[in-house]
Amino acid sequence: MARQKNGPNGPFYGKCGSVVGSSWRGVDYLRGLPKRRTTPPSENEAANRTRFGFTQTWLNHVGAFPSIGFANFSPTKTWQNMMMSWNSKNAVTGEAPNFRIDYSKVLLSDGPLQEATNPSVKVTAEGEFILSWETIYRRKAKQTDELLFIAICPLSLDSFFSAGQSNRDNGNFKATIPEFLKGCNVEVFMAFCSRDRKIASRSQYLGNLEVPS
């Protein structure tokens, strides 16, 4: 695949022989027609396909967070591309077909916004998530930055997600734990995004919490 820049007659779109001209996310490019493969995949290729499928299944359950957190991180890549690329390389461990997610290495958002300072989360006996952080402002941080919060059950992949229910200047967030997470150990993450959701902070892993039944 090659990028094409405007010539005297502009970019080429469509098919011409074995070449196809197209545009994606504002980038014009040329590519060859796909060729049918006649040889079976190698062992490494098969393992990579299995890893990709495993990561994609996991992404389908937690995609609400990165769909905001990675939405505008790259002008040439979708949030799905960013999420898959980072986590398949860094957070997926084990050998095919026994892959697993190392949640301490998971990335759900990234960007230039300041991360939360000294965040802390706990589960109360009344069945609530209580999250707190220090309200310090650096690196483009604003009082109106919105909180992104998610708690994921790694066994069922059920998750509780909240966006915009608290701002950076609040310094805290409280939410009732849904019934489907009770009795689970959950993996918890947070980040901030700007009110217009054009930029975000890097997600922060807050640890594994036991939720009482």
Protein backbone atom coordinates (compact mmCIF):
# COMPACT_ATOMS: atom_id res chain seq x y z
CA MET A 1 0.00 0.00 0.00
CA ALA A 2 1.26 3.50 -0.82
CA ARG A 3 0.03 7.03 -0.13
CA GLN A 4 -0.83 9.13 -3.15
CA LYS A 5 -0.48 12.90 -3.14
CA ASN A 6 -2.41 15.24 -5.37
CA GLY A 7 -0.97 15.55 -8.84
CA PRO A 8 -2.09 17.97 -11.57
CA ASN A 9 -5.33 16.03 -11.97
CA GLY A 10 -5.98 15.26 -8.30
CA PRO A 11 -5.97 11.84 -6.59
CA PHE A 12 -7.06 8.66 -8.37
CA TYR A 13 -10.09 6.75 -7.08
CA GLY A 14 -11.38 3.43 -8.29
CA LYS A 15 -9.91 0.39 -10.02
CA CYS A 16 -7.41 0.41 -12.82
CA GLY A 17 -6.07 -3.02 -13.74
CA SER A 18 -4.55 -4.51 -10.58
CA VAL A 19 -4.43 -1.17 -8.72
CA VAL A 20 -7.15 0.38 -6.54
CA GLY A 21 -7.19 4.04 -5.49
CA SER A 22 -9.16 5.03 -2.41
CA SER A 23 -9.30 7.34 0.61
CA TRP A 24 -9.51 6.59 4.34
CA ARG A 25 -9.69 9.16 7.16
CA GLY A 26 -8.56 11.88 4.77
CA VAL A 27 -5.55 9.95 3.44
CA ASP A 28 -5.50 9.02 -0.26
CA TYR A 29 -3.76 5.74 -1.04
CA LEU A 30 -3.10 3.11 -3.69
CA ARG A 31 -3.15 -0.63 -3.08
CA GLY A 32 -3.00 -3.78 -5.11
CA LEU A 33 -5.90 -6.18 -5.51
CA PRO A 34 -5.91 -8.94 -2.87
CA LYS A 35 -4.53 -12.31 -3.90
CA ARG A 36 -6.01 -15.62 -2.85
CA ARG A 37 -3.67 -17.49 -0.54
CA THR A 38 -2.90 -21.09 -1.47
CA THR A 39 -0.70 -22.10 1.48
CA PRO A 40 -1.93 -22.78 5.04
CA PRO A 41 -0.96 -20.27 7.78
CA SER A 42 2.20 -20.95 9.73
CA GLU A 43 2.07 -21.83 13.42
CA ASN A 44 2.95 -18.26 14.38
CA GLU A 45 0.34 -16.82 12.02
CA ALA A 46 -2.33 -19.12 13.45
CA ALA A 47 -1.36 -18.10 17.00
CA ASN A 48 -1.53 -14.41 16.07
CA ARG A 49 -4.99 -14.89 14.57
CA THR A 50 -6.14 -16.59 17.76
CA ARG A 51 -4.62 -13.76 19.84
CA PHE A 52 -6.40 -11.20 17.66
CA GLY A 53 -9.75 -12.98 18.02
CA PHE A 54 -9.30 -13.26 21.79
CA THR A 55 -8.49 -9.55 22.08
CA GLN A 56 -11.40 -8.61 19.84
CA THR A 57 -13.86 -10.58 21.98
CA TRP A 58 -12.57 -8.82 25.09
CA LEU A 59 -12.74 -5.43 23.34
CA ASN A 60 -16.40 -5.99 22.49
CA HIS A 61 -17.19 -6.02 26.22
CA VAL A 62 -15.15 -2.98 27.31
CA GLY A 63 -15.35 -0.80 24.20
CA ALA A 64 -17.44 1.98 25.75
CA PHE A 65 -14.42 3.36 27.63
CA PRO A 66 -11.84 3.36 24.79
CA SER A 67 -14.43 4.61 22.28
CA ILE A 68 -14.12 7.92 24.18
CA GLY A 69 -10.59 7.60 25.53
CA PHE A 70 -8.98 6.84 22.15
CA ALA A 71 -11.54 8.60 19.94
CA ASN A 72 -9.25 11.42 18.75
CA PHE A 73 -5.83 10.13 19.74
CA SER A 74 -4.67 9.56 16.16
CA PRO A 75 -5.85 11.25 12.94
CA THR A 76 -5.06 8.13 10.90
CA LYS A 77 -6.14 5.30 13.23
CA THR A 78 -9.52 4.37 14.71
CA TRP A 79 -9.94 3.86 18.44
CA GLN A 80 -10.37 0.14 17.71
CA ASN A 81 -6.99 0.09 15.95
CA MET A 82 -5.31 1.85 18.86
CA MET A 83 -6.95 -0.38 21.46
CA MET A 84 -6.17 -3.61 19.62
CA SER A 85 -2.59 -2.64 18.78
CA TRP A 86 -1.54 -1.68 22.31
CA ASN A 87 -3.33 -4.35 24.30
CA SER A 88 -2.64 -7.31 22.02
CA LYS A 89 1.09 -6.53 22.29
CA ASN A 90 1.29 -5.52 25.95
CA ALA A 91 -1.67 -6.85 27.94
CA VAL A 92 -2.41 -10.26 26.40
CA THR A 93 -0.28 -12.98 27.98
CA GLY A 94 0.02 -16.76 27.67
CA GLU A 95 0.23 -19.06 24.68
CA ALA A 96 -2.50 -20.02 22.23
CA PRO A 97 -5.15 -21.04 22.94
CA ASN A 98 -4.74 -20.21 26.66
CA PHE A 99 -4.53 -16.43 26.45
CA ARG A 100 -5.45 -14.14 29.33
CA ILE A 101 -5.54 -10.40 30.05
CA ASP A 102 -3.01 -8.83 32.42
CA TYR A 103 -5.20 -5.95 33.58
CA SER A 104 -2.31 -4.13 35.21
CA LYS A 105 -0.96 -3.52 31.68
CA VAL A 106 -4.26 -2.70 29.96
CA LEU A 107 -4.61 0.72 28.32
CA LEU A 108 -8.15 2.05 27.76
CA SER A 109 -7.36 5.66 26.83
CA ASP A 110 -4.42 7.92 26.10
CA GLY A 111 -3.75 11.57 25.41
CA PRO A 112 -2.26 14.85 26.66
CA LEU A 113 -4.61 15.51 29.59
CA GLN A 114 -3.19 15.24 33.09
CA GLU A 115 -3.97 11.98 34.85
CA ALA A 116 -5.65 11.89 38.26
CA THR A 117 -3.36 12.71 41.20
CA ASN A 118 -3.31 10.12 44.01
CA PRO A 119 -6.52 8.33 42.98
CA SER A 120 -8.07 5.88 45.44
CA VAL A 121 -11.06 3.56 45.10
CA LYS A 122 -12.91 1.32 47.54
CA VAL A 123 -16.06 -0.76 47.86
CA THR A 124 -18.35 0.04 50.78
CA ALA A 125 -20.49 -2.33 52.84
CA GLU A 126 -23.51 -0.47 51.44
CA GLY A 127 -22.62 -1.66 47.94
CA GLU A 128 -21.05 1.44 46.41
CA PHE A 129 -17.89 2.34 44.54
CA ILE A 130 -16.20 5.34 46.19
CA LEU A 131 -13.48 7.00 44.09
CA SER A 132 -11.42 10.03 45.13
CA TRP A 133 -8.47 12.05 43.79
CA GLU A 134 -6.64 15.30 44.43
CA THR A 135 -7.77 18.33 42.42
CA ILE A 136 -4.44 19.47 40.98
CA TYR A 137 -4.31 21.16 37.58
CA ARG A 138 -1.42 20.67 35.16
CA ARG A 139 -0.96 19.56 31.52
CA LYS A 140 -4.14 21.05 30.00
CA ALA A 141 -6.27 19.93 32.95
CA LYS A 142 -9.50 21.87 33.53
CA GLN A 143 -12.10 21.81 36.26
CA THR A 144 -14.69 20.64 33.72
CA ASP A 145 -12.78 17.54 32.61
CA GLU A 146 -15.15 14.57 32.77
CA LEU A 147 -14.49 11.32 34.59
CA LEU A 148 -14.36 7.98 32.78
CA PHE A 149 -14.75 5.03 35.15
CA ILE A 150 -15.10 1.29 34.56
CA ALA A 151 -15.18 -1.83 36.73
CA ILE A 152 -14.77 -5.12 34.81
CA CYS A 153 -15.44 -8.65 35.99
CA PRO A 154 -12.69 -10.67 34.24
CA LEU A 155 -14.60 -13.95 34.47
CA SER A 156 -17.91 -12.90 32.90
CA LEU A 157 -16.61 -9.73 31.17
CA ASP A 158 -19.62 -7.87 32.56
CA SER A 159 -18.73 -4.27 33.35
CA PHE A 160 -20.06 -1.10 34.91
CA PHE A 161 -19.12 2.04 32.96
CA SER A 162 -19.70 5.70 33.76
CA ALA A 163 -18.84 8.76 31.65
CA GLY A 164 -19.38 12.37 32.64
CA GLN A 165 -21.05 11.65 35.99
CA SER A 166 -18.32 13.58 37.85
CA ASN A 167 -15.84 16.31 36.94
CA ARG A 168 -12.19 16.75 37.85
CA ASP A 169 -12.94 19.57 40.29
CA ASN A 170 -15.33 17.36 42.30
CA GLY A 171 -12.46 15.25 43.59
CA ASN A 172 -14.74 12.24 44.11
CA PHE A 173 -17.26 9.91 42.52
CA LYS A 174 -19.82 7.57 44.02
CA ALA A 175 -21.87 4.89 42.25
CA THR A 176 -24.15 2.04 43.28
CA ILE A 177 -22.68 -1.33 42.33
CA PRO A 178 -25.00 -3.20 39.94
CA GLU A 179 -26.32 -6.61 40.95
CA PHE A 180 -24.46 -8.41 38.15
CA LEU A 181 -21.09 -7.45 39.67
CA LYS A 182 -21.86 -8.53 43.21
CA GLY A 183 -19.76 -11.48 44.31
CA CYS A 184 -17.12 -10.70 41.66
CA ASN A 185 -13.57 -9.49 41.86
CA VAL A 186 -13.46 -6.49 39.53
CA GLU A 187 -10.65 -4.68 37.72
CA VAL A 188 -11.03 -0.89 38.01
CA PHE A 189 -9.84 1.91 35.72
CA MET A 190 -10.30 5.65 35.45
CA ALA A 191 -9.33 8.51 33.15
CA PHE A 192 -10.39 12.05 32.34
CA CYS A 193 -11.58 13.50 29.04
CA SER A 194 -12.29 17.09 28.06
CA ARG A 195 -15.91 18.19 28.07
CA ASP A 196 -15.99 18.19 24.26
CA ARG A 197 -14.31 14.73 24.40
CA LYS A 198 -11.62 15.72 21.94
CA ILE A 199 -8.70 14.86 24.24
CA ALA A 200 -8.24 12.45 27.15
CA SER A 201 -5.71 11.35 29.74
CA ARG A 202 -3.94 8.01 29.85
CA SER A 203 -6.09 5.49 31.70
CA GLN A 204 -5.05 4.52 35.22
CA TYR A 205 -5.38 1.01 36.62
CA LEU A 206 -6.70 1.26 40.18
CA GLY A 207 -6.45 -2.41 41.08
CA ASN A 208 -8.57 -5.47 41.74
CA LEU A 209 -11.44 -5.09 44.21
CA GLU A 210 -13.60 -7.75 45.83
CA VAL A 211 -17.30 -6.93 45.63
CA PRO A 212 -19.39 -8.57 48.36
CA SER A 213 -22.43 -10.64 47.37
